Amino acid sequence: MIRRKKLPVALTIAGSDSGGGAGIQADLKTFAALGVHGTSAIACLTAQNPRRVLAVEPCPPKMLQRQIEAVFEELKPAAVKTGMLYTPENIRVVARFFAGHAGRRPLVVDPLMISTSGTILLQPAAVRVLREKLLPLATLVTPNLDEAQILTGRKIESLEAMREAAREIRRRFGTAVLLKGGHLKGAREAADIFFDGTTELLLTAPFVKDVRTHGTGCTYSAAICAALALGHGLTHSVELGKEFITAAIGNSHRVGKHFVLGQPENSVTDLAGSGGRTGRYSSHSVAGCSGCS
């Protein structure tokens, strides 16, 4: 008799990227690479390619709700992430569901607000709803520098300012924070700050020269979500996510005139058997942690 492996389930609630490099498409590819069954609820359709977003069409709130309900009815995700939700109505749908029906399971919120090309990915009225309704429910929020500046109302122009912003987000919303600093001006490496109220991590990786990628934020948060679905703790999941996205950028491929993220070699084995160790980047408490003596 064949013994079949039972896969954990992860759910992504996000936008569809017709170019395949970000959004739902990037999330599902990441889940599959890490040995997790990926499910999805599409919050909006986008007409986009690696260069620009041509159009955005939100999903009706009722349909978004029904997608989420359909997944939970039979598949019971072990972890969930959100990406581009776009409208205040759709954020309310997600927040109501997870506040009242989904129980306590890890929820990773990637607060997409603006694309690399400058397109608005979150309606202005939705920012307040995000702050008030969804962020307080999150296990982890993963803003980039621009998004963190909107959430805190302060300029972030240094690693120390990133630390302060992460602590401010934690104080305001009660969620752990991974503040991504890959676009910090003058930085010599891609440095991110994680803070959960107790543990503060500095996660760094070298920049990959001559590669301009699309969908790194989606892939990063999806890798963290997959690690959580596999049963890893939050801090370790963040470390694994950093390792995964660093390898994905390093293994990028050319598609047409653009780069797309690659799949790290042996990613499933690495994630399942990492045992708390990290590789291609440094991870330590900025304030000094007991594990770095």
Protein backbone atom coordinates (compact mmCIF):
# COMPACT_ATOMS: atom_id res chain seq x y z
CA MET A 1 0.00 0.00 0.00
CA ILE A 2 1.34 3.39 -0.99
CA ARG A 3 1.83 5.75 1.91
CA ARG A 4 1.03 9.22 0.66
CA LYS A 5 2.53 12.31 2.19
CA LYS A 6 0.06 14.67 3.83
CA LEU A 7 0.75 18.28 2.90
CA PRO A 8 -0.07 21.27 5.10
CA VAL A 9 -2.27 23.94 3.52
CA ALA A 10 -1.58 27.66 3.18
CA LEU A 11 -3.98 30.31 1.86
CA THR A 12 -3.09 33.49 0.02
CA ILE A 13 -5.65 36.30 -0.28
CA ALA A 14 -4.22 38.70 -2.82
CA GLY A 15 -4.31 40.09 -6.34
CA SER A 16 -3.71 38.22 -9.58
CA ASP A 17 -0.65 39.30 -11.59
CA SER A 18 -1.11 38.58 -15.29
CA GLY A 19 2.67 38.76 -15.74
CA GLY A 20 3.15 35.87 -13.31
CA GLY A 21 5.89 37.49 -11.25
CA ALA A 22 4.02 38.72 -8.18
CA GLY A 23 0.72 38.37 -6.36
CA ILE A 24 -1.22 35.12 -6.26
CA GLN A 25 1.02 33.56 -8.89
CA ALA A 26 4.23 34.22 -6.94
CA ASP A 27 2.62 33.03 -3.71
CA LEU A 28 1.43 29.71 -5.16
CA LYS A 29 4.81 29.01 -6.76
CA THR A 30 6.51 29.68 -3.42
CA PHE A 31 4.11 27.45 -1.50
CA ALA A 32 4.73 24.62 -3.97
CA ALA A 33 8.51 25.06 -3.81
CA LEU A 34 8.39 24.69 -0.04
CA GLY A 35 6.19 21.61 0.09
CA VAL A 36 2.92 23.29 1.04
CA HIS A 37 -0.41 22.95 -0.77
CA GLY A 38 -1.38 26.43 -1.90
CA THR A 39 -4.94 27.73 -1.96
CA SER A 40 -6.08 31.17 -3.02
CA ALA A 41 -8.78 33.81 -2.79
CA ILE A 42 -8.40 36.47 -5.49
CA ALA A 43 -9.10 39.95 -4.10
CA CYS A 44 -8.53 41.78 -7.39
CA LEU A 45 -7.46 41.32 -10.97
CA THR A 46 -4.58 43.30 -12.36
CA ALA A 47 -3.44 43.76 -15.94
CA GLN A 48 0.29 44.07 -15.46
CA ASN A 49 3.71 43.01 -16.61
CA PRO A 50 7.15 43.45 -15.00
CA ARG A 51 7.30 47.06 -16.21
CA ARG A 52 3.91 48.52 -15.29
CA VAL A 53 0.35 48.02 -14.08
CA LEU A 54 -2.20 48.84 -16.78
CA ALA A 55 -5.45 48.27 -14.90
CA VAL A 56 -6.91 47.04 -11.60
CA GLU A 57 -10.36 45.51 -11.08
CA PRO A 58 -11.40 44.59 -7.51
CA CYS A 59 -13.29 41.40 -6.76
CA PRO A 60 -16.81 41.98 -5.39
CA PRO A 61 -16.68 41.62 -1.58
CA LYS A 62 -19.27 38.85 -1.53
CA MET A 63 -17.29 36.78 -3.99
CA LEU A 64 -14.10 37.30 -2.00
CA GLN A 65 -15.88 36.10 1.12
CA ARG A 66 -17.21 33.02 -0.65
CA GLN A 67 -13.73 32.09 -1.90
CA ILE A 68 -12.34 32.21 1.63
CA GLU A 69 -15.28 30.26 3.01
CA ALA A 70 -14.90 27.60 0.30
CA VAL A 71 -11.26 27.02 1.21
CA PHE A 72 -11.89 26.83 4.95
CA GLU A 73 -14.88 24.52 4.49
CA GLU A 74 -12.74 21.60 3.28
CA LEU A 75 -9.03 22.44 3.38
CA LYS A 76 -8.43 24.19 6.73
CA PRO A 77 -5.29 26.30 6.07
CA ALA A 78 -2.57 26.07 8.71
CA ALA A 79 -1.40 29.60 7.86
CA VAL A 80 -2.71 32.54 5.81
CA LYS A 81 -1.18 35.55 4.11
CA THR A 82 -2.75 38.63 2.57
CA GLY A 83 -1.36 40.74 -0.22
CA MET A 84 -3.11 43.25 -2.46
CA LEU A 85 -6.64 43.75 -1.09
CA TYR A 86 -7.13 47.16 -2.75
CA THR A 87 -10.52 48.30 -1.39
CA PRO A 88 -11.77 49.08 2.13
CA GLU A 89 -14.70 46.72 1.54
CA ASN A 90 -12.42 43.77 0.82
CA ILE A 91 -10.24 44.51 3.83
CA ARG A 92 -13.38 44.47 5.99
CA VAL A 93 -14.39 41.09 4.52
CA VAL A 94 -11.02 39.59 5.43
CA ALA A 95 -10.92 41.20 8.88
CA ARG A 96 -14.45 40.06 9.75
CA PHE A 97 -13.71 36.50 8.72
CA PHE A 98 -10.51 36.19 10.72
CA ALA A 99 -11.90 38.01 13.73
CA GLY A 100 -14.97 35.82 13.98
CA HIS A 101 -14.70 32.52 12.14
CA ALA A 102 -11.18 31.38 11.38
CA GLY A 103 -9.82 30.72 14.87
CA ARG A 104 -6.27 31.48 15.90
CA ARG A 105 -3.93 30.60 13.05
CA PRO A 106 -0.92 32.56 11.80
CA LEU A 107 -1.88 35.53 9.62
CA VAL A 108 0.86 37.29 7.65
CA VAL A 109 -0.20 40.69 6.32
CA ASP A 110 1.82 42.14 3.45
CA PRO A 111 0.34 45.67 3.34
CA LEU A 112 0.72 46.38 -0.38
CA MET A 113 0.11 50.07 -1.01
CA ILE A 114 2.13 51.09 -4.07
CA SER A 115 3.90 49.19 -6.84
CA THR A 116 7.53 49.62 -7.81
CA SER A 117 6.32 51.44 -10.93
CA GLY A 118 4.28 53.87 -8.80
CA THR A 119 0.77 52.45 -9.26
CA ILE A 120 -1.54 52.74 -6.23
CA LEU A 121 -2.33 49.22 -4.95
CA LEU A 122 -4.47 50.29 -1.99
CA GLN A 123 -7.24 52.86 -2.26
CA PRO A 124 -6.66 55.86 0.05
CA ALA A 125 -9.80 55.12 2.08
CA ALA A 126 -8.55 51.57 2.64
CA VAL A 127 -5.46 52.65 4.60
CA ARG A 128 -7.53 53.55 7.66
CA VAL A 129 -9.45 50.26 7.49
CA LEU A 130 -6.17 48.37 7.19
CA ARG A 131 -4.84 50.11 10.31
CA GLU A 132 -7.98 49.71 12.38
CA LYS A 133 -9.37 46.33 11.32
CA LEU A 134 -6.71 44.05 9.83
CA LEU A 135 -3.32 44.89 11.33
CA PRO A 136 -4.46 44.22 14.93
CA LEU A 137 -5.36 40.67 13.83
CA ALA A 138 -1.99 39.97 12.19
CA THR A 139 0.66 37.63 13.51
CA LEU A 140 3.20 39.45 11.35
CA VAL A 141 3.11 42.53 9.13
CA THR A 142 5.78 42.88 6.41
CA PRO A 143 5.98 46.51 5.18
CA ASN A 144 8.67 47.87 2.92
CA LEU A 145 10.16 51.27 3.67
CA ASP A 146 7.46 53.27 1.88
CA GLU A 147 4.67 51.34 3.58
CA ALA A 148 6.31 51.65 6.99
CA GLN A 149 6.56 55.40 6.48
CA ILE A 150 2.82 55.55 5.79
CA LEU A 151 2.02 53.40 8.83
CA THR A 152 4.23 55.43 11.19
CA GLY A 153 4.13 58.90 9.63
CA ARG A 154 7.89 59.22 9.88
CA LYS A 155 10.82 59.26 7.46
CA ILE A 156 12.99 56.14 7.45
CA GLU A 157 16.45 56.86 6.11
CA SER A 158 18.77 54.70 8.21
CA LEU A 159 19.01 51.32 9.87
CA GLU A 160 18.42 52.95 13.25
CA ALA A 161 15.29 54.63 11.89
CA MET A 162 14.13 51.20 10.70
CA ARG A 163 14.52 49.85 14.23
CA GLU A 164 12.50 52.73 15.64
CA ALA A 165 9.78 52.32 13.01
CA ALA A 166 9.49 48.59 13.69
CA ARG A 167 9.03 49.27 17.38
CA GLU A 168 6.44 51.95 16.62
CA ILE A 169 4.43 49.60 14.41
CA ARG A 170 4.57 46.95 17.11
CA ARG A 171 3.39 49.49 19.70
CA ARG A 172 0.52 50.80 17.57
CA PHE A 173 -0.89 47.55 16.21
CA GLY A 174 0.31 44.82 18.59
CA THR A 175 1.73 42.68 15.80
CA ALA A 176 5.22 41.42 15.09
CA VAL A 177 6.95 43.36 12.32
CA LEU A 178 9.36 42.52 9.53
CA LEU A 179 10.47 45.85 8.07
CA LYS A 180 12.16 45.27 4.72
CA GLY A 181 15.05 47.58 3.93
CA GLY A 182 16.15 46.41 0.51
CA HIS A 183 15.65 49.90 -0.95
CA LEU A 184 17.35 51.83 1.87
CA LYS A 185 19.50 54.49 0.21
CA GLY A 186 23.22 54.09 0.73
CA ALA A 187 22.91 50.58 2.17
CA ARG A 188 25.69 48.13 1.38
CA GLU A 189 23.48 45.07 1.86
CA ALA A 190 19.80 44.17 1.97
CA ALA A 191 18.98 44.58 5.66
CA ASP A 192 15.62 43.83 7.29
CA ILE A 193 14.51 44.34 10.89
CA PHE A 194 12.27 41.88 12.72
CA PHE A 195 10.71 42.82 16.06
CA ASP A 196 8.02 40.98 17.99
CA GLY A 197 8.09 42.91 21.25
CA THR A 198 10.85 40.76 22.72
CA THR A 199 13.19 39.55 19.99
CA GLU A 200 14.84 41.94 17.55
CA LEU A 201 16.64 40.48 14.55
CA LEU A 202 18.82 42.07 11.93
CA LEU A 203 18.63 39.93 8.79
CA THR A 204 21.11 40.79 6.06
CA ALA A 205 22.04 39.51 2.63
CA PRO A 206 24.36 40.83 -0.10
CA PHE A 207 22.80 42.66 -3.00
CA VAL A 208 22.74 40.72 -6.27
CA LYS A 209 24.27 42.98 -8.91
CA ASP A 210 22.63 43.70 -12.25
CA VAL A 211 19.36 41.96 -11.33
CA ARG A 212 16.11 43.90 -11.08
CA THR A 213 13.38 41.59 -9.84
CA HIS A 214 9.60 41.81 -9.49
CA GLY A 215 7.53 40.19 -6.75
CA THR A 216 10.19 39.89 -4.05
CA GLY A 217 7.89 41.15 -1.30
CA CYS A 218 5.13 38.70 -2.23
CA THR A 219 7.58 35.80 -2.39
CA TYR A 220 9.24 36.74 0.92
CA SER A 221 5.94 36.86 2.83
CA ALA A 222 4.70 33.69 1.10
CA ALA A 223 7.85 31.82 2.18
CA ILE A 224 7.26 32.93 5.78
CA CYS A 225 3.62 31.80 5.53
CA ALA A 226 4.72 28.41 4.17
CA ALA A 227 7.19 27.96 7.02
CA LEU A 228 4.45 28.75 9.54
CA ALA A 229 2.14 26.23 7.84
CA LEU A 230 4.91 23.63 8.21
CA GLY A 231 4.94 24.26 11.95
CA HIS A 232 7.97 26.46 12.42
CA GLY A 233 7.86 29.25 15.01
CA LEU A 234 7.53 32.86 13.89
CA THR A 235 11.14 33.95 14.40
CA HIS A 236 12.50 30.88 12.64
CA SER A 237 9.95 31.29 9.82
CA VAL A 238 11.18 34.84 9.21
CA GLU A 239 14.78 33.60 9.06
CA LEU A 240 13.78 30.88 6.61
CA GLY A 241 11.87 33.42 4.53
CA LYS A 242 14.96 35.61 4.29
CA GLU A 243 17.04 32.65 3.22
CA PHE A 244 14.49 31.66 0.59
CA ILE A 245 14.11 35.12 -0.98
CA THR A 246 17.87 35.65 -1.00
CA ALA A 247 18.35 32.39 -2.91
CA ALA A 248 15.41 33.16 -5.23
CA ILE A 249 16.96 36.49 -6.23
CA GLY A 250 20.35 34.88 -6.69
CA ASN A 251 18.82 32.23 -8.95
CA SER A 252 16.82 34.69 -11.06
CA HIS A 253 16.23 33.91 -14.73
CA ARG A 254 15.84 36.03 -17.83
CA VAL A 255 12.35 36.04 -19.36
CA GLY A 256 12.11 38.31 -22.35
CA LYS A 257 13.64 41.65 -21.35
CA HIS A 258 13.07 41.09 -17.64
CA PHE A 259 14.22 39.01 -14.69
CA VAL A 260 11.99 36.60 -12.80
CA LEU A 261 12.74 35.06 -9.44
CA GLY A 262 14.17 31.56 -9.52
CA GLN A 263 13.36 28.60 -7.31
CA PRO A 264 16.12 27.89 -4.78
CA GLU A 265 17.70 24.47 -5.18
CA ASN A 266 16.65 21.88 -2.58
CA SER A 267 14.28 24.40 -1.02
CA VAL A 268 11.87 21.79 0.37
CA THR A 269 14.68 19.80 2.00
CA ASP A 270 16.33 22.92 3.38
CA LEU A 271 13.12 24.20 4.94
CA ALA A 272 12.02 20.88 6.40
CA GLY A 273 15.41 20.04 7.88
CA SER A 274 16.95 23.39 8.73
CA GLY A 275 16.66 22.82 12.47
CA GLY A 276 16.90 26.48 13.34
CA ARG A 277 20.18 27.16 11.52
CA THR A 278 20.56 29.80 8.89
CA GLY A 279 22.95 30.00 6.00
CA ARG A 280 23.58 32.63 3.35
CA TYR A 281 22.99 35.68 5.50
CA SER A 282 23.51 36.82 9.08
CA SER A 283 20.76 36.93 11.68
CA HIS A 284 21.21 38.34 15.13
CA SER A 285 19.68 40.65 17.69
CA VAL A 286 20.69 44.26 17.15
CA ALA A 287 20.52 44.77 20.90
CA GLY A 288 22.43 41.57 21.59
CA CYS A 289 20.83 38.16 21.94
CA SER A 290 21.72 35.14 24.04
CA GLY A 291 22.30 33.06 20.91
CA CYS A 292 25.08 35.32 19.60
CA SER A 293 27.62 35.04 22.42
